[in-house]
Amino acid sequence: MQEVIIYTDGAATGNPGPGGYGVILVSGPHRKELSKGFKYTTNNRMELSAVIAGLEALKSEGLKVKIVTDSQYVQKAIALGWVFNWEKKGFKDKKNPDLWKKYLALARKHHIQVVWVKGHNGHPENERCDVLAVSAAKQPNLPPDEGYDPTA
């Protein structure tokens, strides 16, 4: 079974504020970088959006996917199965249900493992994802984060 590694990071200044995500996909000798910024969002939304963008970029189903993130929010929700309990309860009183629903739909097409790495600790791909995320957040004329409701 083919393995793909998805390195991710998200950033938001002001939290909430302008934000972005960075993603590196690695499969064998192939490597692809993705990033996108938004006008007004949160760090956790960008962390999860990075994972979603990585999964959306995969061209086939049934892959062994290792997600490497510095977000304990993302890592624990997935690895400890919290997201499945949230789903059973209709995401009642949970933040980012729009993104978690997208994640679950994509994740169910693959065999997912999620690994946490300490951020800003010299991990080359994590550092690169951070550069991509911060750079994306600083672009002019950023689009809105359509799913973000600051009153939620």
N, C-alpha and C. Protein backbone atom coordinates (compact mmCIF):
# COMPACT_ATOMS: atom_id res chain seq x y z
N MET A 1 0.86 -1.19 0.00
CA MET A 1 0.00 0.00 0.00
C MET A 1 0.90 1.25 0.00
N GLN A 2 0.60 2.15 -0.88
CA GLN A 2 1.38 3.38 -1.00
C GLN A 2 1.20 4.25 0.24
N GLU A 3 2.31 4.84 0.73
CA GLU A 3 2.22 5.75 1.87
C GLU A 3 2.47 7.18 1.42
N VAL A 4 1.67 8.07 1.97
CA VAL A 4 1.82 9.49 1.74
C VAL A 4 1.99 10.15 3.10
N ILE A 5 2.94 11.05 3.19
CA ILE A 5 3.11 11.84 4.42
C ILE A 5 2.62 13.25 4.13
N ILE A 6 1.75 13.74 5.00
CA ILE A 6 1.25 15.11 4.88
C ILE A 6 1.73 15.88 6.10
N TYR A 7 2.63 16.82 5.86
CA TYR A 7 3.11 17.72 6.92
C TYR A 7 2.24 18.96 6.88
N THR A 8 1.81 19.44 8.05
CA THR A 8 0.88 20.57 8.06
C THR A 8 1.25 21.58 9.14
N ASP A 9 0.83 22.82 8.90
CA ASP A 9 0.89 23.85 9.94
C ASP A 9 -0.10 24.94 9.59
N GLY A 10 -0.58 25.60 10.61
CA GLY A 10 -1.50 26.71 10.44
C GLY A 10 -1.07 27.86 11.32
N ALA A 11 -1.45 29.05 10.93
CA ALA A 11 -1.10 30.24 11.71
C ALA A 11 -2.18 31.29 11.56
N ALA A 12 -2.41 32.02 12.64
CA ALA A 12 -3.33 33.16 12.60
C ALA A 12 -2.76 34.23 13.51
N THR A 13 -2.65 35.44 12.98
CA THR A 13 -2.17 36.54 13.80
C THR A 13 -3.36 37.18 14.48
N GLY A 14 -3.23 37.39 15.75
CA GLY A 14 -4.33 37.96 16.51
C GLY A 14 -5.25 36.89 17.06
N ASN A 15 -5.40 35.82 16.36
CA ASN A 15 -6.19 34.64 16.75
C ASN A 15 -7.48 34.99 17.49
N PRO A 16 -8.53 35.49 16.85
CA PRO A 16 -8.69 35.51 15.40
C PRO A 16 -8.04 36.71 14.73
N GLY A 17 -7.77 36.51 13.47
CA GLY A 17 -7.15 37.52 12.64
C GLY A 17 -6.81 36.91 11.30
N PRO A 18 -5.95 37.58 10.53
CA PRO A 18 -5.51 36.98 9.27
C PRO A 18 -4.80 35.66 9.57
N GLY A 19 -5.02 34.68 8.71
CA GLY A 19 -4.40 33.38 8.94
C GLY A 19 -4.10 32.66 7.65
N GLY A 20 -3.33 31.58 7.79
CA GLY A 20 -2.99 30.78 6.63
C GLY A 20 -2.56 29.40 7.04
N TYR A 21 -2.45 28.54 6.05
CA TYR A 21 -1.94 27.20 6.31
C TYR A 21 -0.86 26.85 5.29
N GLY A 22 -0.02 25.92 5.68
CA GLY A 22 1.01 25.38 4.80
C GLY A 22 0.98 23.87 4.87
N VAL A 23 1.19 23.24 3.72
CA VAL A 23 1.14 21.78 3.62
C VAL A 23 2.28 21.31 2.73
N ILE A 24 2.90 20.22 3.13
CA ILE A 24 3.86 19.52 2.27
C ILE A 24 3.39 18.08 2.15
N LEU A 25 3.19 17.63 0.92
CA LEU A 25 2.84 16.23 0.67
C LEU A 25 4.08 15.53 0.13
N VAL A 26 4.39 14.35 0.68
CA VAL A 26 5.54 13.58 0.24
C VAL A 26 5.09 12.15 -0.03
N SER A 27 5.38 11.67 -1.24
CA SER A 27 5.08 10.30 -1.62
C SER A 27 6.24 9.80 -2.47
N GLY A 28 7.03 8.92 -1.89
CA GLY A 28 8.22 8.45 -2.60
C GLY A 28 9.09 9.64 -2.96
N PRO A 29 9.47 9.77 -4.23
CA PRO A 29 10.33 10.90 -4.63
C PRO A 29 9.55 12.19 -4.90
N HIS A 30 8.23 12.13 -4.81
CA HIS A 30 7.39 13.29 -5.14
C HIS A 30 7.13 14.15 -3.92
N ARG A 31 7.14 15.46 -4.16
CA ARG A 31 6.92 16.43 -3.09
C ARG A 31 6.11 17.59 -3.67
N LYS A 32 5.08 18.02 -2.91
CA LYS A 32 4.24 19.13 -3.36
C LYS A 32 3.96 20.02 -2.16
N GLU A 33 4.01 21.33 -2.38
CA GLU A 33 3.70 22.30 -1.33
C GLU A 33 2.41 23.04 -1.68
N LEU A 34 1.60 23.28 -0.64
CA LEU A 34 0.33 24.01 -0.79
C LEU A 34 0.25 25.06 0.31
N SER A 35 -0.42 26.15 0.02
CA SER A 35 -0.69 27.14 1.07
C SER A 35 -1.87 28.01 0.64
N LYS A 36 -2.51 28.59 1.63
CA LYS A 36 -3.62 29.50 1.36
C LYS A 36 -3.83 30.37 2.59
N GLY A 37 -4.23 31.61 2.36
CA GLY A 37 -4.49 32.53 3.45
C GLY A 37 -5.94 32.98 3.47
N PHE A 38 -6.36 33.47 4.64
CA PHE A 38 -7.72 33.97 4.83
C PHE A 38 -7.69 35.27 5.62
N LYS A 39 -8.68 36.12 5.35
CA LYS A 39 -8.75 37.45 5.94
C LYS A 39 -8.94 37.42 7.46
N TYR A 40 -9.80 36.52 7.95
CA TYR A 40 -10.14 36.52 9.37
C TYR A 40 -10.50 35.10 9.77
N THR A 41 -9.68 34.51 10.66
CA THR A 41 -9.85 33.12 11.02
C THR A 41 -9.14 32.85 12.34
N THR A 42 -9.01 31.58 12.71
CA THR A 42 -8.30 31.21 13.94
C THR A 42 -7.19 30.22 13.62
N ASN A 43 -6.27 30.10 14.56
CA ASN A 43 -5.17 29.18 14.41
C ASN A 43 -5.68 27.73 14.26
N ASN A 44 -6.62 27.33 15.12
CA ASN A 44 -7.12 25.95 15.05
C ASN A 44 -7.80 25.66 13.70
N ARG A 45 -8.51 26.64 13.18
CA ARG A 45 -9.14 26.44 11.86
C ARG A 45 -8.07 26.26 10.79
N MET A 46 -6.99 27.01 10.90
CA MET A 46 -5.93 26.87 9.89
C MET A 46 -5.18 25.55 10.04
N GLU A 47 -4.99 25.10 11.27
CA GLU A 47 -4.34 23.79 11.49
C GLU A 47 -5.17 22.69 10.83
N LEU A 48 -6.46 22.71 11.05
CA LEU A 48 -7.35 21.70 10.49
C LEU A 48 -7.53 21.88 8.98
N SER A 49 -7.57 23.11 8.51
CA SER A 49 -7.66 23.37 7.07
C SER A 49 -6.45 22.83 6.33
N ALA A 50 -5.30 22.88 6.96
CA ALA A 50 -4.08 22.33 6.34
C ALA A 50 -4.23 20.83 6.12
N VAL A 51 -4.74 20.13 7.12
CA VAL A 51 -4.95 18.68 7.00
C VAL A 51 -5.94 18.40 5.87
N ILE A 52 -7.03 19.14 5.83
CA ILE A 52 -8.04 18.95 4.80
C ILE A 52 -7.46 19.21 3.41
N ALA A 53 -6.70 20.29 3.25
CA ALA A 53 -6.10 20.60 1.96
C ALA A 53 -5.17 19.48 1.51
N GLY A 54 -4.41 18.93 2.45
CA GLY A 54 -3.53 17.82 2.12
C GLY A 54 -4.31 16.60 1.65
N LEU A 55 -5.37 16.28 2.36
CA LEU A 55 -6.19 15.12 1.98
C LEU A 55 -6.90 15.36 0.65
N GLU A 56 -7.36 16.58 0.41
CA GLU A 56 -8.03 16.91 -0.85
C GLU A 56 -7.08 16.78 -2.04
N ALA A 57 -5.80 16.96 -1.81
CA ALA A 57 -4.82 16.90 -2.90
C ALA A 57 -4.48 15.47 -3.32
N LEU A 58 -4.88 14.49 -2.53
CA LEU A 58 -4.57 13.10 -2.88
C LEU A 58 -5.38 12.67 -4.09
N LYS A 59 -4.73 11.95 -5.00
CA LYS A 59 -5.38 11.62 -6.27
C LYS A 59 -6.04 10.25 -6.29
N SER A 60 -5.81 9.44 -5.26
CA SER A 60 -6.47 8.13 -5.22
C SER A 60 -6.90 7.83 -3.79
N GLU A 61 -7.75 6.82 -3.67
CA GLU A 61 -8.28 6.45 -2.36
C GLU A 61 -7.55 5.21 -1.84
N GLY A 62 -7.77 4.92 -0.56
CA GLY A 62 -7.20 3.72 0.05
C GLY A 62 -5.73 3.83 0.38
N LEU A 63 -5.23 5.05 0.50
CA LEU A 63 -3.82 5.25 0.79
C LEU A 63 -3.53 5.17 2.28
N LYS A 64 -2.32 4.79 2.60
CA LYS A 64 -1.82 4.89 3.97
C LYS A 64 -1.29 6.31 4.11
N VAL A 65 -1.92 7.09 4.98
CA VAL A 65 -1.60 8.51 5.10
C VAL A 65 -1.12 8.80 6.52
N LYS A 66 0.07 9.36 6.60
CA LYS A 66 0.59 9.82 7.89
C LYS A 66 0.51 11.34 7.89
N ILE A 67 -0.26 11.87 8.82
CA ILE A 67 -0.39 13.32 8.98
C ILE A 67 0.54 13.74 10.10
N VAL A 68 1.43 14.67 9.82
CA VAL A 68 2.38 15.16 10.81
C VAL A 68 2.01 16.62 11.11
N THR A 69 1.63 16.88 12.36
CA THR A 69 1.13 18.20 12.75
C THR A 69 1.76 18.64 14.07
N ASP A 70 1.85 19.94 14.27
CA ASP A 70 2.28 20.46 15.58
C ASP A 70 1.07 20.91 16.40
N SER A 71 -0.12 20.57 15.93
CA SER A 71 -1.35 20.95 16.62
C SER A 71 -1.85 19.81 17.49
N GLN A 72 -1.83 20.02 18.79
CA GLN A 72 -2.39 19.00 19.68
C GLN A 72 -3.91 18.93 19.52
N TYR A 73 -4.53 20.05 19.19
CA TYR A 73 -5.98 20.07 18.92
C TYR A 73 -6.33 19.05 17.84
N VAL A 74 -5.61 19.11 16.72
CA VAL A 74 -5.86 18.20 15.61
C VAL A 74 -5.42 16.78 15.96
N GLN A 75 -4.22 16.64 16.48
CA GLN A 75 -3.67 15.30 16.75
C GLN A 75 -4.53 14.54 17.75
N LYS A 76 -4.88 15.16 18.85
CA LYS A 76 -5.65 14.45 19.88
C LYS A 76 -7.07 14.16 19.41
N ALA A 77 -7.70 15.10 18.71
CA ALA A 77 -9.06 14.88 18.24
C ALA A 77 -9.13 13.66 17.33
N ILE A 78 -8.10 13.46 16.51
CA ILE A 78 -8.08 12.34 15.58
C ILE A 78 -7.56 11.07 16.27
N ALA A 79 -6.38 11.14 16.86
CA ALA A 79 -5.74 9.95 17.42
C ALA A 79 -6.51 9.37 18.59
N LEU A 80 -7.12 10.21 19.39
CA LEU A 80 -7.87 9.73 20.55
C LEU A 80 -9.35 9.50 20.24
N GLY A 81 -9.73 9.76 18.99
CA GLY A 81 -11.09 9.48 18.55
C GLY A 81 -12.14 10.47 19.01
N TRP A 82 -11.72 11.61 19.55
CA TRP A 82 -12.69 12.59 20.02
C TRP A 82 -13.65 13.00 18.91
N VAL A 83 -13.11 13.16 17.69
CA VAL A 83 -13.92 13.66 16.58
C VAL A 83 -15.10 12.73 16.28
N PHE A 84 -14.93 11.43 16.52
CA PHE A 84 -16.03 10.48 16.26
C PHE A 84 -17.14 10.65 17.30
N ASN A 85 -16.76 10.93 18.53
CA ASN A 85 -17.76 11.21 19.57
C ASN A 85 -18.48 12.53 19.28
N TRP A 86 -17.72 13.53 18.83
CA TRP A 86 -18.33 14.81 18.47
C TRP A 86 -19.34 14.61 17.35
N GLU A 87 -18.97 13.79 16.38
CA GLU A 87 -19.85 13.53 15.24
C GLU A 87 -21.15 12.86 15.72
N LYS A 88 -21.03 11.87 16.60
CA LYS A 88 -22.21 11.16 17.12
C LYS A 88 -23.17 12.11 17.82
N LYS A 89 -22.62 13.17 18.43
CA LYS A 89 -23.44 14.14 19.16
C LYS A 89 -23.78 15.35 18.29
N GLY A 90 -23.55 15.22 16.97
CA GLY A 90 -23.89 16.31 16.06
C GLY A 90 -23.02 17.54 16.24
N PHE A 91 -21.82 17.37 16.77
CA PHE A 91 -20.86 18.46 17.02
C PHE A 91 -21.44 19.53 17.93
N LYS A 92 -22.38 19.13 18.78
CA LYS A 92 -23.01 20.06 19.71
C LYS A 92 -21.96 20.73 20.59
N ASP A 93 -21.98 22.06 20.60
CA ASP A 93 -21.07 22.88 21.40
C ASP A 93 -19.59 22.71 21.03
N LYS A 94 -19.30 22.22 19.83
CA LYS A 94 -17.91 22.08 19.37
C LYS A 94 -17.61 23.13 18.32
N LYS A 95 -16.38 23.58 18.33
CA LYS A 95 -15.95 24.57 17.34
C LYS A 95 -15.54 23.86 16.04
N ASN A 96 -15.70 24.56 14.96
CA ASN A 96 -15.25 24.13 13.63
C ASN A 96 -15.96 22.89 13.09
N PRO A 97 -17.26 22.74 13.33
CA PRO A 97 -17.93 21.53 12.83
C PRO A 97 -17.88 21.41 11.31
N ASP A 98 -17.89 22.54 10.60
CA ASP A 98 -17.82 22.49 9.14
C ASP A 98 -16.52 21.81 8.68
N LEU A 99 -15.42 22.15 9.34
CA LEU A 99 -14.14 21.57 8.96
C LEU A 99 -14.01 20.12 9.42
N TRP A 100 -14.50 19.81 10.61
CA TRP A 100 -14.42 18.43 11.07
C TRP A 100 -15.25 17.51 10.18
N LYS A 101 -16.39 17.97 9.69
CA LYS A 101 -17.21 17.16 8.78
C LYS A 101 -16.45 16.92 7.47
N LYS A 102 -15.78 17.95 6.95
CA LYS A 102 -14.97 17.78 5.73
C LYS A 102 -13.85 16.79 5.99
N TYR A 103 -13.17 16.94 7.13
CA TYR A 103 -12.08 16.03 7.47
C TYR A 103 -12.58 14.58 7.48
N LEU A 104 -13.68 14.33 8.18
CA LEU A 104 -14.18 12.96 8.31
C LEU A 104 -14.52 12.35 6.95
N ALA A 105 -15.15 13.12 6.08
CA ALA A 105 -15.50 12.60 4.75
C ALA A 105 -14.25 12.21 3.98
N LEU A 106 -13.21 13.01 4.08
CA LEU A 106 -11.95 12.71 3.37
C LEU A 106 -11.18 11.57 4.05
N ALA A 107 -11.12 11.59 5.35
CA ALA A 107 -10.34 10.60 6.10
C ALA A 107 -10.88 9.20 5.91
N ARG A 108 -12.17 9.08 5.73
CA ARG A 108 -12.78 7.75 5.58
C ARG A 108 -12.39 7.07 4.27
N LYS A 109 -11.73 7.80 3.39
CA LYS A 109 -11.26 7.22 2.12
C LYS A 109 -9.86 6.63 2.25
N HIS A 110 -9.24 6.80 3.40
CA HIS A 110 -7.83 6.41 3.57
C HIS A 110 -7.61 5.71 4.91
N HIS A 111 -6.37 5.30 5.12
CA HIS A 111 -5.94 4.73 6.39
C HIS A 111 -5.06 5.79 7.05
N ILE A 112 -5.61 6.47 8.04
CA ILE A 112 -4.98 7.66 8.62
C ILE A 112 -4.24 7.33 9.91
N GLN A 113 -3.04 7.88 10.00
CA GLN A 113 -2.27 7.91 11.24
C GLN A 113 -1.88 9.37 11.43
N VAL A 114 -1.98 9.85 12.65
CA VAL A 114 -1.59 11.24 12.91
C VAL A 114 -0.50 11.26 13.96
N VAL A 115 0.52 12.06 13.69
CA VAL A 115 1.68 12.16 14.57
C VAL A 115 1.89 13.62 14.95
N TRP A 116 2.13 13.85 16.23
CA TRP A 116 2.39 15.20 16.71
C TRP A 116 3.89 15.44 16.79
N VAL A 117 4.32 16.61 16.33
CA VAL A 117 5.71 17.06 16.51
C VAL A 117 5.67 18.42 17.18
N LYS A 118 6.65 18.69 17.99
CA LYS A 118 6.72 19.99 18.65
C LYS A 118 7.01 21.07 17.61
N GLY A 119 6.19 22.11 17.61
CA GLY A 119 6.37 23.20 16.66
C GLY A 119 7.56 24.07 16.99
N HIS A 120 8.11 24.71 15.97
CA HIS A 120 9.24 25.64 16.13
C HIS A 120 10.38 24.98 16.89
N ASN A 121 10.65 23.73 16.53
CA ASN A 121 11.66 22.96 17.23
C ASN A 121 12.67 22.36 16.26
N GLY A 122 12.78 22.95 15.08
CA GLY A 122 13.81 22.52 14.14
C GLY A 122 13.42 21.37 13.21
N HIS A 123 12.18 20.91 13.25
CA HIS A 123 11.74 19.86 12.33
C HIS A 123 11.63 20.52 10.94
N PRO A 124 12.45 20.10 9.96
CA PRO A 124 12.53 20.83 8.68
C PRO A 124 11.19 21.03 7.97
N GLU A 125 10.39 19.97 7.87
CA GLU A 125 9.12 20.11 7.15
C GLU A 125 8.12 20.95 7.94
N ASN A 126 8.13 20.82 9.27
CA ASN A 126 7.25 21.65 10.08
C ASN A 126 7.64 23.12 9.97
N GLU A 127 8.92 23.39 9.98
CA GLU A 127 9.39 24.77 9.83
C GLU A 127 9.00 25.34 8.47
N ARG A 128 9.12 24.53 7.42
CA ARG A 128 8.74 24.97 6.08
C ARG A 128 7.24 25.23 6.00
N CYS A 129 6.45 24.35 6.60
CA CYS A 129 4.99 24.56 6.61
C CYS A 129 4.64 25.86 7.33
N ASP A 130 5.35 26.17 8.39
CA ASP A 130 5.12 27.41 9.12
C ASP A 130 5.42 28.61 8.23
N VAL A 131 6.52 28.55 7.50
CA VAL A 131 6.87 29.64 6.57
C VAL A 131 5.77 29.81 5.52
N LEU A 132 5.29 28.70 4.98
CA LEU A 132 4.21 28.75 3.99
C LEU A 132 2.94 29.36 4.58
N ALA A 133 2.59 28.95 5.81
CA ALA A 133 1.37 29.43 6.47
C ALA A 133 1.45 30.92 6.75
N VAL A 134 2.54 31.36 7.33
CA VAL A 134 2.71 32.78 7.68
C VAL A 134 2.73 33.63 6.41
N SER A 135 3.44 33.16 5.39
CA SER A 135 3.50 33.89 4.13
C SER A 135 2.11 34.01 3.50
N ALA A 136 1.34 32.93 3.53
CA ALA A 136 -0.02 32.95 2.96
C ALA A 136 -0.90 33.94 3.70
N ALA A 137 -0.73 34.03 5.02
CA ALA A 137 -1.54 34.93 5.84
C ALA A 137 -1.23 36.40 5.58
N LYS A 138 -0.06 36.67 5.02
CA LYS A 138 0.38 38.05 4.78
C LYS A 138 0.10 38.54 3.37
N GLN A 139 -0.53 37.71 2.55
CA GLN A 139 -0.83 38.10 1.17
C GLN A 139 -1.92 39.17 1.16
N PRO A 140 -1.92 40.05 0.16
CA PRO A 140 -2.97 41.07 0.07
C PRO A 140 -4.29 40.45 -0.42
N ASN A 141 -5.37 41.13 -0.12
CA ASN A 141 -6.70 40.76 -0.62
C ASN A 141 -7.08 39.31 -0.31
N LEU A 142 -6.90 38.93 0.94
CA LEU A 142 -7.23 37.56 1.33
C LEU A 142 -8.74 37.32 1.28
N PRO A 143 -9.14 36.10 0.91
CA PRO A 143 -10.56 35.78 0.91
C PRO A 143 -11.06 35.55 2.33
N PRO A 144 -12.37 35.61 2.53
CA PRO A 144 -12.91 35.30 3.86
C PRO A 144 -12.86 33.79 4.11
N ASP A 145 -12.80 33.41 5.36
CA ASP A 145 -12.94 32.02 5.78
C ASP A 145 -14.43 31.81 5.92
N GLU A 146 -15.05 31.29 4.88
CA GLU A 146 -16.52 31.23 4.77
C GLU A 146 -17.18 30.52 5.95
N GLY A 147 -16.52 29.53 6.52
CA GLY A 147 -17.14 28.76 7.60
C GLY A 147 -16.94 29.34 8.97
N TYR A 148 -16.15 30.40 9.08
CA TYR A 148 -15.83 30.93 10.40
C TYR A 148 -16.90 31.89 10.89
N ASP A 149 -17.44 31.61 12.04
CA ASP A 149 -18.42 32.49 12.67
C ASP A 149 -17.84 32.92 14.01
N PRO A 150 -17.36 34.15 14.10
CA PRO A 150 -16.71 34.60 15.35
C PRO A 150 -17.65 34.64 16.55
N THR A 151 -18.95 34.51 16.33
CA THR A 151 -19.87 34.52 17.47
C THR A 151 -20.12 33.10 18.02
N ALA A 152 -19.61 32.10 17.31
CA ALA A 152 -19.84 30.69 17.74
C ALA A 152 -18.96 30.32 18.91
